[in-house]
Each structure stands twice: as C-alpha cells, then as structure tokens.
C-alpha cells in the first residue's frame, strides 16, 4: 500500500527505531509472497475437478489449507505474465 511509504511514517520509524532499516519490495513480487505459492498449489490441486456442490469444494479447501493435506513445492519460482502467474 502506498501509505506505507509516506514520508511521515518513514521519519517516525527512523526517529523512534533507529536500529530498523526498511527495505521495500517491488510492486509485484510473487516470489517473496509465500501466499502466492500456497494459492498456486491449491488451484493446481483442484483444477479440472468437478464438484457435486459448493460444500464439497469448501470441504476440500478446508482439508488442503487447514488440515495439512496440501503439498507445497516451496522451491518453485513464480513469474507474472499479465494477470497470469506461471511457475517455473
């Protein structure tokens, strides 16, 4: 969010916490955002499946995201191609 880079906030952080050094990420950096890997792995797992109901889909998502059934390939890299995220 752009307000994170407002000069007044940066000055306050520098004044009150001199041992903190701020590093800003590029605007779109999926390799640094772990949730991108989680969502990509989740979508990959449920793609091309037919669900009998929304409840079945919700149940599977719950199993994947909350019960540890999802296997995430942490070593994969993500690249942004327009609105599409492609793994390499």
C-alpha atoms as a PDB file:
ATOM      1  CA  UNK A   1       0.000   0.000   0.000  1.00  0.00           C
ATOM      2  CA  UNK A   2       1.314   3.418  -0.899  1.00  0.00           C
ATOM      3  CA  UNK A   3       0.697   4.802   2.617  1.00  0.00           C
ATOM      4  CA  UNK A   4       3.452   2.502   3.899  1.00  0.00           C
ATOM      5  CA  UNK A   5       5.973   4.712   2.115  1.00  0.00           C
ATOM      6  CA  UNK A   6       4.644   8.050   3.363  1.00  0.00           C
ATOM      7  CA  UNK A   7       7.485  10.243   4.470  1.00  0.00           C
ATOM      8  CA  UNK A   8       5.920  10.991   7.859  1.00  0.00           C
ATOM      9  CA  UNK A   9       5.802   7.265   8.702  1.00  0.00           C
ATOM     10  CA  UNK A  10       9.336   6.665   7.492  1.00  0.00           C
ATOM     11  CA  UNK A  11      10.627   9.626   9.511  1.00  0.00           C
ATOM     12  CA  UNK A  12       8.796   8.412  12.623  1.00  0.00           C
ATOM     13  CA  UNK A  13      10.243   4.914  12.280  1.00  0.00           C
ATOM     14  CA  UNK A  14      13.748   6.310  11.762  1.00  0.00           C
ATOM     15  CA  UNK A  15      13.399   8.598  14.809  1.00  0.00           C
ATOM     16  CA  UNK A  16      11.826   6.087  17.206  1.00  0.00           C
ATOM     17  CA  UNK A  17      13.502   2.880  15.998  1.00  0.00           C
ATOM     18  CA  UNK A  18      16.984   3.753  14.699  1.00  0.00           C
ATOM     19  CA  UNK A  19      18.016   0.086  14.500  1.00  0.00           C
ATOM     20  CA  UNK A  20      15.258  -0.676  11.975  1.00  0.00           C
ATOM     21  CA  UNK A  21      16.188  -0.447   8.299  1.00  0.00           C
ATOM     22  CA  UNK A  22      13.241  -0.518   5.893  1.00  0.00           C
ATOM     23  CA  UNK A  23      13.510  -2.415   2.609  1.00  0.00           C
ATOM     24  CA  UNK A  24      10.618  -2.113   0.176  1.00  0.00           C
ATOM     25  CA  UNK A  25       9.709  -4.945  -2.165  1.00  0.00           C
ATOM     26  CA  UNK A  26       8.997  -4.384  -5.842  1.00  0.00           C
ATOM     27  CA  UNK A  27       5.338  -3.609  -6.624  1.00  0.00           C
ATOM     28  CA  UNK A  28       4.567  -7.152  -7.732  1.00  0.00           C
ATOM     29  CA  UNK A  29       6.903  -9.767  -6.280  1.00  0.00           C
ATOM     30  CA  UNK A  30       5.205 -13.172  -6.009  1.00  0.00           C
ATOM     31  CA  UNK A  31       8.485 -14.932  -5.204  1.00  0.00           C
ATOM     32  CA  UNK A  32       8.620 -13.003  -1.925  1.00  0.00           C
ATOM     33  CA  UNK A  33       4.949 -13.535  -1.096  1.00  0.00           C
ATOM     34  CA  UNK A  34       4.520 -17.080   0.215  1.00  0.00           C
ATOM     35  CA  UNK A  35       0.736 -16.985  -0.069  1.00  0.00           C
ATOM     36  CA  UNK A  36       1.197 -16.940  -3.859  1.00  0.00           C
ATOM     37  CA  UNK A  37       2.841 -20.372  -3.644  1.00  0.00           C
ATOM     38  CA  UNK A  38       0.092 -21.662  -1.356  1.00  0.00           C
ATOM     39  CA  UNK A  39      -2.708 -20.430  -3.625  1.00  0.00           C
ATOM     40  CA  UNK A  40      -0.971 -21.647  -6.778  1.00  0.00           C
ATOM     41  CA  UNK A  41      -0.502 -25.119  -5.279  1.00  0.00           C
ATOM     42  CA  UNK A  42      -4.135 -25.135  -4.120  1.00  0.00           C
ATOM     43  CA  UNK A  43      -5.507 -24.079  -7.504  1.00  0.00           C
ATOM     44  CA  UNK A  44      -3.256 -26.639  -9.203  1.00  0.00           C
ATOM     45  CA  UNK A  45      -4.689 -29.362  -6.952  1.00  0.00           C
ATOM     46  CA  UNK A  46      -8.366 -28.531  -7.573  1.00  0.00           C
ATOM     47  CA  UNK A  47      -8.091 -27.592 -11.275  1.00  0.00           C
ATOM     48  CA  UNK A  48     -10.146 -29.643 -13.720  1.00  0.00           C
ATOM     49  CA  UNK A  49     -12.124 -31.363 -10.962  1.00  0.00           C
ATOM     50  CA  UNK A  50     -15.881 -31.490 -10.949  1.00  0.00           C
ATOM     51  CA  UNK A  51     -17.552 -30.915  -7.599  1.00  0.00           C
ATOM     52  CA  UNK A  52     -21.106 -32.011  -6.865  1.00  0.00           C
ATOM     53  CA  UNK A  53     -21.671 -28.989  -4.650  1.00  0.00           C
ATOM     54  CA  UNK A  54     -20.075 -25.879  -3.219  1.00  0.00           C
ATOM     55  CA  UNK A  55     -19.915 -27.714   0.099  1.00  0.00           C
ATOM     56  CA  UNK A  56     -17.709 -30.407  -1.474  1.00  0.00           C
ATOM     57  CA  UNK A  57     -15.343 -27.727  -2.774  1.00  0.00           C
ATOM     58  CA  UNK A  58     -15.323 -25.967   0.604  1.00  0.00           C
ATOM     59  CA  UNK A  59     -14.587 -29.263   2.353  1.00  0.00           C
ATOM     60  CA  UNK A  60     -11.637 -29.985   0.054  1.00  0.00           C
ATOM     61  CA  UNK A  61     -10.270 -26.456   0.505  1.00  0.00           C
ATOM     62  CA  UNK A  62     -10.588 -26.867   4.276  1.00  0.00           C
ATOM     63  CA  UNK A  63      -8.676 -30.150   4.105  1.00  0.00           C
ATOM     64  CA  UNK A  64      -5.966 -28.626   1.928  1.00  0.00           C
ATOM     65  CA  UNK A  65      -5.499 -25.335   3.746  1.00  0.00           C
ATOM     66  CA  UNK A  66      -6.371 -26.158   7.363  1.00  0.00           C
ATOM     67  CA  UNK A  67      -5.715 -29.860   7.832  1.00  0.00           C
ATOM     68  CA  UNK A  68      -2.292 -30.134   6.174  1.00  0.00           C
ATOM     69  CA  UNK A  69      -3.351 -32.101   3.100  1.00  0.00           C
ATOM     70  CA  UNK A  70      -1.742 -29.648   0.667  1.00  0.00           C
ATOM     71  CA  UNK A  71       1.795 -30.340  -0.516  1.00  0.00           C
ATOM     72  CA  UNK A  72       3.531 -27.113  -1.500  1.00  0.00           C
ATOM     73  CA  UNK A  73       6.569 -27.081  -3.768  1.00  0.00           C
ATOM     74  CA  UNK A  74       8.465 -24.325  -1.940  1.00  0.00           C
ATOM     75  CA  UNK A  75      11.367 -24.315  -4.376  1.00  0.00           C
ATOM     76  CA  UNK A  76       9.280 -23.225  -7.350  1.00  0.00           C
ATOM     77  CA  UNK A  77       9.595 -19.739  -8.763  1.00  0.00           C
ATOM     78  CA  UNK A  78       6.643 -17.641  -9.904  1.00  0.00           C
ATOM     79  CA  UNK A  79       6.578 -15.222 -12.795  1.00  0.00           C
ATOM     80  CA  UNK A  80       3.884 -12.703 -13.571  1.00  0.00           C
ATOM     81  CA  UNK A  81       2.638 -12.671 -17.174  1.00  0.00           C
ATOM     82  CA  UNK A  82      -0.070 -10.018 -17.218  1.00  0.00           C
ATOM     83  CA  UNK A  83      -2.852 -11.335 -14.997  1.00  0.00           C
ATOM     84  CA  UNK A  84      -1.490 -14.887 -15.068  1.00  0.00           C
ATOM     85  CA  UNK A  85       1.034 -16.414 -12.682  1.00  0.00           C
ATOM     86  CA  UNK A  86       3.244 -19.078 -14.222  1.00  0.00           C
ATOM     87  CA  UNK A  87       5.515 -21.376 -12.246  1.00  0.00           C
ATOM     88  CA  UNK A  88       8.944 -22.367 -13.478  1.00  0.00           C
END
